[in-house]
Amino acid sequence: MTMTFEPFTPAGSTEQRRYDGRRRAEERTGAPAWDEAPRWEEPAPRWNDPASDPWGQPAQQQWIEDPQWQVPPPQQHQQGRPGEVASPEPEPVPRRAAAGGRFKPVVVGVVVLLLLVAGWQAYRIEGMSDHNQDLATVLAAEKDRTDRLEKQLAGVFDPEAVSSAALPSVFRVRAGSFTGTAFSVGRKAKGNESNLMTNYHVVAEVWTDGGRRVSLERGSTRITATIVDVDKGKDLALLHADTKIAGLATATATVKPGQQVVVVGAPLGLDDSVTTGVISAYRPDDPDGPTIQFDAPINPGNSGGPVVNAANQVVGLATAKAKDAEGIGLAIPIKTACETFTVC
């Protein structure tokens, strides 16, 4: 019989320490000693026929592999160090159906909230539209009211403004021994020339004597004018001056009783005088022709002066006043004068 001996190593020697270290390493790792070869034991065969004689020759032998020696199915290796076998990946855990069920009420609630907000916004927009329409109606009504007030204010009589606009165009006329009033009218004059109107009876003395020159005076201003045409029946005279004088506008509409007017003239030789009143009546069928009656005070020297309405338009020429009466003055309509001389 052959026996295996381990070499004797004295205690405490270097070989003993090397040996003890190797043995301890083998004990820790379970690996066989360096000088011993692994021993494999062959499994005992299993008989598939239990009826056969264990000591005799079986009719047919079949080896069944021991389950512990079955080769496991190949595993997918993950990239790593050579020789390592990757652990199998865990199967994914299916999501719980309850998680989706929890979110459904939340989604439905959000949708309902959005619908409510959209409906509220639509309601507010509709309300704002109605409010805007009401506001537009109110503004339109206020605009109409403002327009009416503007028209009323435009018709408000302002004697000071009317007088300020008319006075620069009005002059005292000195014709011989007679004094009256003349005013510039129209835009028919050429260059630095002006056309003025007055009554015929104001310049009658000069005209009948064969003269044509009269003097226009206003303050320290003296302008020589020429009598160019007269109409004795209508008591009208047209003067021409070689000086540019702003002309007054003329009214085209027929006057109506109650309209307020300013009469500008030189009563008793006092130039730049104004009086105010209203149109008392319009008499188109008078024997001497259409006549305007007004109640503004006038005196000798006002003859030929303009009667001006609130729109700064000449409506007539002051001509006469009733004797032994107050507040009855007469004027020739400006329309009659413009048709007579065609200079308006």
Protein backbone atom coordinates (compact mmCIF):
# COMPACT_ATOMS: atom_id res chain seq x y z
CA MET A 1 0.00 0.00 0.00
CA THR A 2 1.27 3.38 -0.96
CA MET A 3 0.69 6.25 1.53
CA THR A 4 1.06 9.95 1.09
CA PHE A 5 3.15 11.80 3.64
CA GLU A 6 3.39 15.45 4.25
CA PRO A 7 6.88 16.77 4.76
CA PHE A 8 7.87 17.47 8.36
CA THR A 9 8.59 21.02 9.10
CA PRO A 10 9.96 22.11 12.40
CA ALA A 11 7.74 24.37 14.39
CA GLY A 12 8.54 28.04 14.07
CA SER A 13 10.66 27.64 10.95
CA THR A 14 10.18 29.57 7.80
CA GLU A 15 8.77 26.56 6.03
CA GLN A 16 6.33 26.03 8.86
CA ARG A 17 5.07 29.61 8.56
CA ARG A 18 4.81 29.25 4.79
CA TYR A 19 2.95 26.03 5.17
CA ASP A 20 0.65 27.33 7.87
CA GLY A 21 -0.13 30.40 5.72
CA ARG A 22 -0.91 28.23 2.76
CA ARG A 23 -3.15 26.01 4.83
CA ARG A 24 -5.03 28.96 6.26
CA ALA A 25 -5.52 30.35 2.76
CA GLU A 26 -6.85 27.00 1.64
CA GLU A 27 -9.20 26.89 4.58
CA ARG A 28 -10.50 30.39 3.80
CA THR A 29 -11.00 29.87 0.11
CA GLY A 30 -11.87 26.21 0.16
CA ALA A 31 -9.35 25.60 -2.60
CA PRO A 32 -7.29 22.39 -2.50
CA ALA A 33 -3.75 22.41 -1.33
CA TRP A 34 -1.14 23.24 -3.89
CA ASP A 35 0.38 19.83 -3.91
CA GLU A 36 -2.86 17.87 -3.86
CA ALA A 37 -4.88 17.16 -6.98
CA PRO A 38 -8.67 17.44 -6.80
CA ARG A 39 -10.49 14.28 -6.21
CA TRP A 40 -13.69 13.65 -8.15
CA GLU A 41 -16.20 11.07 -7.14
CA GLU A 42 -18.23 9.45 -9.77
CA PRO A 43 -21.92 9.26 -8.97
CA ALA A 44 -23.43 5.90 -8.57
CA PRO A 45 -25.51 4.82 -11.47
CA ARG A 46 -29.24 4.75 -11.08
CA TRP A 47 -31.25 1.95 -12.46
CA ASN A 48 -34.37 2.76 -14.26
CA ASP A 49 -35.78 -0.65 -13.74
CA PRO A 50 -36.38 -1.31 -10.09
CA ALA A 51 -37.51 -4.87 -10.81
CA SER A 52 -34.20 -5.89 -12.20
CA ASP A 53 -31.77 -7.77 -10.05
CA PRO A 54 -29.31 -5.35 -8.46
CA TRP A 55 -26.74 -8.07 -8.53
CA GLY A 56 -27.61 -9.51 -11.82
CA GLN A 57 -27.35 -8.16 -15.30
CA PRO A 58 -30.26 -5.77 -16.00
CA ALA A 59 -32.25 -6.20 -19.14
CA GLN A 60 -31.48 -2.64 -20.28
CA GLN A 61 -29.44 -0.02 -18.53
CA GLN A 62 -30.11 3.73 -18.91
CA TRP A 63 -28.12 6.41 -17.21
CA ILE A 64 -29.96 9.32 -15.70
CA GLU A 65 -27.96 12.34 -15.11
CA ASP A 66 -27.88 13.68 -11.64
CA PRO A 67 -29.82 16.99 -11.52
CA GLN A 68 -26.95 18.70 -9.81
CA TRP A 69 -24.79 18.16 -12.90
CA GLN A 70 -27.32 19.64 -15.38
CA VAL A 71 -25.93 22.54 -17.29
CA PRO A 72 -27.90 25.68 -16.51
CA PRO A 73 -29.30 27.62 -19.48
CA PRO A 74 -26.98 30.20 -20.89
CA GLN A 75 -27.26 33.58 -19.23
CA GLN A 76 -26.87 36.87 -20.98
CA HIS A 77 -23.57 38.36 -19.92
CA GLN A 78 -23.31 42.01 -19.17
CA GLN A 79 -20.22 43.78 -20.14
CA GLY A 80 -17.75 43.47 -17.28
CA ARG A 81 -14.65 41.72 -16.32
CA PRO A 82 -13.76 38.57 -18.26
CA GLY A 83 -14.99 35.40 -16.66
CA GLU A 84 -17.77 37.08 -14.67
CA VAL A 85 -21.31 35.91 -15.15
CA ALA A 86 -23.88 38.70 -14.97
CA SER A 87 -26.74 38.24 -12.66
CA PRO A 88 -30.08 37.89 -14.44
CA GLU A 89 -32.01 41.12 -14.91
CA PRO A 90 -35.05 41.44 -12.70
CA GLU A 91 -38.33 41.18 -14.48
CA PRO A 92 -40.13 44.56 -14.78
CA VAL A 93 -42.84 45.01 -12.24
CA PRO A 94 -46.10 45.78 -14.03
CA ARG A 95 -47.68 49.10 -13.15
CA ARG A 96 -50.60 48.94 -10.93
CA ALA A 97 -53.86 49.66 -12.57
CA ALA A 98 -54.83 51.58 -9.47
CA ALA A 99 -52.27 54.30 -10.30
CA GLY A 100 -54.08 55.17 -13.52
CA GLY A 101 -57.36 55.03 -11.71
CA ARG A 102 -56.20 57.67 -9.23
CA PHE A 103 -55.37 60.14 -12.03
CA LYS A 104 -58.70 59.88 -13.83
CA PRO A 105 -60.69 61.91 -11.28
CA VAL A 106 -57.94 64.54 -11.28
CA VAL A 107 -58.05 64.86 -15.08
CA VAL A 108 -61.82 65.05 -15.07
CA GLY A 109 -61.70 67.73 -12.37
CA VAL A 110 -59.20 69.82 -14.36
CA VAL A 111 -61.34 69.57 -17.50
CA VAL A 112 -64.45 70.60 -15.59
CA LEU A 113 -62.56 73.53 -14.04
CA LEU A 114 -61.34 74.68 -17.45
CA LEU A 115 -64.86 74.49 -18.83
CA LEU A 116 -66.17 76.56 -15.94
CA VAL A 117 -63.45 79.17 -16.43
CA ALA A 118 -64.14 79.33 -20.17
CA GLY A 119 -67.86 79.74 -19.53
CA TRP A 120 -67.21 82.51 -17.00
CA GLN A 121 -64.94 84.33 -19.42
CA ALA A 122 -67.52 84.05 -22.20
CA TYR A 123 -70.17 85.41 -19.83
CA ARG A 124 -67.97 88.34 -18.87
CA ILE A 125 -67.10 89.10 -22.51
CA GLU A 126 -70.79 89.11 -23.40
CA GLY A 127 -71.50 91.40 -20.48
CA MET A 128 -68.68 93.74 -21.49
CA SER A 129 -70.02 93.82 -25.05
CA ASP A 130 -73.46 94.82 -23.80
CA HIS A 131 -71.87 97.43 -21.54
CA ASN A 132 -69.87 98.82 -24.47
CA GLN A 133 -73.02 99.08 -26.55
CA ASP A 134 -74.78 100.93 -23.76
CA LEU A 135 -71.78 103.20 -23.35
CA ALA A 136 -71.72 103.89 -27.10
CA THR A 137 -75.41 104.80 -26.96
CA VAL A 138 -74.80 107.17 -24.04
CA LEU A 139 -71.83 108.77 -25.81
CA ALA A 140 -73.89 109.25 -28.98
CA ALA A 141 -76.63 110.92 -26.96
CA GLU A 142 -74.06 113.15 -25.22
CA LYS A 143 -72.55 114.06 -28.58
CA ASP A 144 -75.96 115.10 -29.89
CA ARG A 145 -76.51 117.15 -26.76
CA THR A 146 -73.07 118.75 -27.11
CA ASP A 147 -73.76 119.59 -30.74
CA ARG A 148 -77.05 121.25 -29.77
CA LEU A 149 -75.31 123.24 -27.04
CA GLU A 150 -72.61 124.33 -29.48
CA LYS A 151 -75.24 125.50 -31.91
CA GLN A 152 -77.00 127.37 -29.12
CA LEU A 153 -73.74 128.94 -27.98
CA ALA A 154 -72.92 129.89 -31.54
CA GLY A 155 -76.22 131.74 -31.63
CA VAL A 156 -75.53 133.52 -28.35
CA PHE A 157 -75.39 137.21 -29.02
CA ASP A 158 -72.08 138.84 -28.11
CA PRO A 159 -72.33 142.57 -28.88
CA GLU A 160 -68.71 143.19 -27.91
CA ALA A 161 -67.39 140.59 -30.35
CA VAL A 162 -69.71 141.79 -33.11
CA SER A 163 -68.68 145.41 -32.58
CA SER A 164 -64.96 144.56 -32.50
CA ALA A 165 -65.26 142.74 -35.83
CA ALA A 166 -67.31 145.46 -37.54
CA LEU A 167 -65.75 148.75 -36.36
CA PRO A 168 -62.52 148.62 -38.47
CA SER A 169 -64.65 148.57 -41.65
CA VAL A 170 -66.96 151.48 -40.69
CA PHE A 171 -66.17 155.21 -41.33
CA ARG A 172 -67.81 158.56 -40.79
CA VAL A 173 -68.67 160.21 -44.15
CA ARG A 174 -68.33 164.00 -44.46
CA ALA A 175 -70.02 165.18 -47.68
CA GLY A 176 -70.27 168.99 -47.78
CA SER A 177 -72.25 170.09 -44.76
CA PHE A 178 -73.80 166.69 -44.19
CA THR A 179 -72.45 163.84 -42.02
CA GLY A 180 -73.37 160.17 -42.20
CA THR A 181 -71.82 156.64 -42.13
CA ALA A 182 -70.32 154.29 -44.77
CA PHE A 183 -68.88 150.76 -44.53
CA SER A 184 -66.64 148.59 -46.70
CA VAL A 185 -68.34 145.59 -48.21
CA GLY A 186 -67.59 142.75 -50.59
CA ARG A 187 -64.36 141.64 -52.27
CA LYS A 188 -64.89 143.02 -55.74
CA ALA A 189 -62.36 145.86 -55.45
CA LYS A 190 -58.98 145.35 -57.14
CA GLY A 191 -55.58 145.68 -55.52
CA ASN A 192 -55.58 148.34 -52.80
CA GLU A 193 -59.08 149.51 -53.58
CA SER A 194 -62.30 149.22 -51.60
CA ASN A 195 -66.02 149.56 -52.24
CA LEU A 196 -68.20 151.22 -49.61
CA MET A 197 -71.97 151.69 -49.29
CA THR A 198 -74.01 154.51 -47.76
CA ASN A 199 -77.36 156.29 -48.23
CA TYR A 200 -77.93 158.61 -51.14
CA HIS A 201 -79.26 161.35 -48.90
CA VAL A 202 -75.86 161.36 -47.12
CA VAL A 203 -73.98 162.41 -50.32
CA ALA A 204 -76.91 164.09 -52.15
CA GLU A 205 -75.55 167.63 -51.59
CA VAL A 206 -72.20 166.87 -53.21
CA TRP A 207 -73.75 164.76 -55.97
CA THR A 208 -76.28 167.43 -56.99
CA ASP A 209 -73.53 170.09 -57.01
CA GLY A 210 -71.64 167.95 -59.52
CA GLY A 211 -68.96 166.94 -57.12
CA ARG A 212 -67.77 163.38 -56.57
CA ARG A 213 -65.30 163.65 -53.68
CA VAL A 214 -66.18 162.81 -50.10
CA SER A 215 -64.07 162.25 -46.97
CA LEU A 216 -63.93 159.06 -44.92
CA GLU A 217 -62.89 159.64 -41.30
CA ARG A 218 -62.14 157.34 -38.44
CA GLY A 219 -60.20 158.72 -35.53
CA SER A 220 -57.09 160.33 -37.02
CA THR A 221 -57.48 158.48 -40.33
CA ARG A 222 -58.61 160.46 -43.37
CA ILE A 223 -59.35 158.74 -46.68
CA THR A 224 -60.66 160.41 -49.85
CA ALA A 225 -63.40 158.44 -51.61
CA THR A 226 -65.27 158.91 -54.89
CA ILE A 227 -69.00 158.61 -55.51
CA VAL A 228 -69.25 156.11 -58.38
CA ASP A 229 -72.98 155.30 -58.48
CA VAL A 230 -76.25 156.28 -56.81
CA ASP A 231 -79.88 155.09 -56.76
CA LYS A 232 -82.13 157.94 -55.60
CA GLY A 233 -85.29 155.82 -55.46
CA LYS A 234 -83.70 153.21 -53.17
CA ASP A 235 -81.69 155.84 -51.28
CA LEU A 236 -78.38 154.06 -52.01
CA ALA A 237 -74.90 155.29 -53.00
CA LEU A 238 -71.68 153.42 -53.91
CA LEU A 239 -68.29 154.88 -52.99
CA HIS A 240 -64.84 153.85 -54.15
CA ALA A 241 -61.60 154.34 -52.16
CA ASP A 242 -57.99 153.83 -53.27
CA THR A 243 -57.19 152.23 -49.91
CA LYS A 244 -57.59 148.61 -48.88
CA ILE A 245 -60.30 148.35 -46.24
CA ALA A 246 -61.49 144.99 -44.94
CA GLY A 247 -65.00 144.29 -46.21
CA LEU A 248 -67.83 143.01 -44.03
CA ALA A 249 -69.67 139.81 -44.91
CA THR A 250 -73.27 140.07 -46.04
CA ALA A 251 -76.21 137.88 -44.96
CA THR A 252 -78.09 135.97 -47.64
CA ALA A 253 -81.02 134.79 -45.52
CA THR A 254 -84.04 136.97 -44.81
CA VAL A 255 -84.10 138.42 -41.31
CA LYS A 256 -86.66 137.26 -38.74
CA PRO A 257 -88.28 139.14 -35.88
CA GLY A 258 -86.43 138.69 -32.59
CA GLN A 259 -82.96 138.37 -34.07
CA GLN A 260 -80.46 140.47 -32.15
CA VAL A 261 -78.42 143.09 -33.97
CA VAL A 262 -75.78 145.77 -33.48
CA VAL A 263 -75.98 149.10 -35.30
CA VAL A 264 -72.61 150.78 -35.92
CA GLY A 265 -72.32 154.43 -36.97
CA ALA A 266 -71.47 158.01 -36.18
CA PRO A 267 -74.59 159.55 -34.58
CA LEU A 268 -74.25 163.33 -34.44
CA GLY A 269 -70.76 162.92 -35.84
CA LEU A 270 -69.56 160.65 -33.01
CA ASP A 271 -67.67 157.91 -34.85
CA ASP A 272 -67.23 154.33 -33.58
CA SER A 273 -70.61 154.32 -31.83
CA VAL A 274 -72.65 151.14 -31.40
CA THR A 275 -76.18 150.41 -30.20
CA THR A 276 -77.96 147.09 -29.79
CA GLY A 277 -81.49 145.85 -30.33
CA VAL A 278 -83.58 143.24 -32.11
CA ILE A 279 -85.30 142.95 -35.43
CA SER A 280 -88.84 144.17 -34.79
CA ALA A 281 -90.31 143.26 -38.17
CA TYR A 282 -89.53 142.60 -41.81
CA ARG A 283 -91.77 144.52 -44.21
CA PRO A 284 -91.23 143.34 -47.78
CA ASP A 285 -94.30 145.20 -49.21
CA ASP A 286 -93.58 148.79 -48.15
CA PRO A 287 -94.19 151.43 -50.85
CA ASP A 288 -90.50 152.41 -50.78
CA GLY A 289 -89.41 148.76 -51.09
CA PRO A 290 -88.63 146.00 -48.61
CA THR A 291 -87.83 147.44 -45.17
CA ILE A 292 -86.35 146.10 -41.95
CA GLN A 293 -87.69 147.49 -38.68
CA PHE A 294 -85.47 147.32 -35.57
CA ASP A 295 -85.52 148.84 -32.07
CA ALA A 296 -81.84 149.77 -31.62
CA PRO A 297 -81.53 153.53 -30.93
CA ILE A 298 -80.24 155.59 -33.90
CA ASN A 299 -79.82 159.31 -34.52
CA PRO A 300 -78.82 161.65 -37.36
CA GLY A 301 -75.38 160.54 -38.44
CA ASN A 302 -76.26 156.81 -38.27
CA SER A 303 -77.61 156.94 -41.82
CA GLY A 304 -75.80 154.46 -44.06
CA GLY A 305 -74.36 152.53 -41.11
CA PRO A 306 -74.42 148.69 -41.09
CA VAL A 307 -76.95 146.65 -39.10
CA VAL A 308 -75.01 143.49 -38.12
CA ASN A 309 -76.39 140.20 -36.79
CA ALA A 310 -74.83 137.79 -34.26
CA ALA A 311 -72.91 136.01 -37.06
CA ASN A 312 -71.02 139.23 -37.96
CA GLN A 313 -73.03 139.58 -41.18
CA VAL A 314 -74.58 142.81 -42.46
CA VAL A 315 -78.36 142.47 -42.78
CA GLY A 316 -79.17 146.08 -43.75
CA LEU A 317 -78.23 149.78 -43.94
CA ALA A 318 -79.72 152.03 -41.23
CA THR A 319 -81.76 154.73 -43.05
CA ALA A 320 -84.24 156.57 -40.84
CA LYS A 321 -86.05 156.70 -37.52
CA ALA A 322 -89.61 157.58 -36.63
CA LYS A 323 -90.17 161.12 -35.35
CA ASP A 324 -91.70 161.62 -31.96
CA ALA A 325 -91.28 157.88 -31.20
CA GLU A 326 -88.70 155.71 -29.55
CA GLY A 327 -87.37 152.37 -30.70
CA ILE A 328 -88.53 152.51 -34.29
CA GLY A 329 -85.70 152.46 -36.77
CA LEU A 330 -85.74 151.49 -40.45
CA ALA A 331 -83.07 149.83 -42.64
CA ILE A 332 -82.69 148.88 -46.30
CA PRO A 333 -82.05 145.12 -46.67
CA ILE A 334 -78.46 144.36 -47.72
CA LYS A 335 -79.83 142.07 -50.41
CA THR A 336 -81.41 145.09 -52.11
CA ALA A 337 -78.11 147.00 -52.03
CA CYS A 338 -76.07 144.06 -53.37
CA GLU A 339 -78.51 143.53 -56.24
CA THR A 340 -78.36 147.25 -57.04
CA PHE A 341 -74.58 147.60 -57.25
CA THR A 342 -73.40 143.98 -57.74
CA VAL A 343 -70.31 144.40 -55.59
CA CYS A 344 -71.13 141.97 -52.75
